[in-house]
Amino acid sequence: MARSRRVGFSLRAGPVAIRQELSGAAWALIGLALALCLTLALGAGYALGRHAQPTGGVQPLAAAESETPLRPAALERQLEIEHATQANLSAQLKAQADENALLKEDLAFFQTLGLGRRDAAGAVRINRLRVEPQALPGELRYRFLLVHTRSRGPGFEGRLELVVDLEQEGRTQVLVLPARRESPGYTLSFRLYQRIEGTFNVPRAAVVKRVQVRVFENGGDTPVSSQIVNLS
């Protein structure tokens, strides 16, 4: 009876021991498989990260390099705008200064003139005649002040004429402006005074020697006033 009991105990205990050993081996295999998968996953992620890093690093650098030239270009454009604005402002200030200088000259002239008296020499007087070459070759600017010395009675109505003596290729020539008497830019109509300013052109190779200004009253062919300025 006792022997049979030992054998029975061995038969019942044996399978339990085998099941425990198989279960431990299975868990060991599962853990090994998981560790291998984790290792492979980490390795693949590291490889992908190394492969993607240059692409991600180069792209911002390329974008930065592409944006870098835009900054100097925008700055250069802004500087050009500022320079143009300053040049325009300087031109306006110069024009205003020239205008103020002319007004001061007119005021000084009128303070010494005495418009109330009659002048027997003529009805119009030419004052401060200036003729100056300009930046463009062959272009000259003229300006002067016309004063109606006969302040009593109607104003002056007439026309203006320029006679330009010049030399070109060794020959002396005379240019009369305007070509037609009824030119709008050369008509005169004023009560007390009128400031005249304009430009005219001659051939680029010509040398202007002198300019004569003539003032005609309407209906007359004889100038009521004239003045000459020598240039060379």
Foldseek 3Di string as FASTA:
>chain_A
DVVVVVVVVCVVVVVVVVVVVVVVVVVVVVVVVVVVVVVVVVVVVVVVCVVCVVVVVVVVVVVVVVCVVVVVVVVVVVVVVVVVVVVVVVVVVVVVVVVVVVVVVVVVCVVPPDLDDADPLFQKEWADWDWADDPDQFKIKIKIKIFGSHLPDAAFWWWKKKWWWKDAPRDIDIDIPPPDGPDVLTIDTDRGMDMHMDMDGDDRRIDTFKMKMFIDGPPDDHGRYMDMDGDD
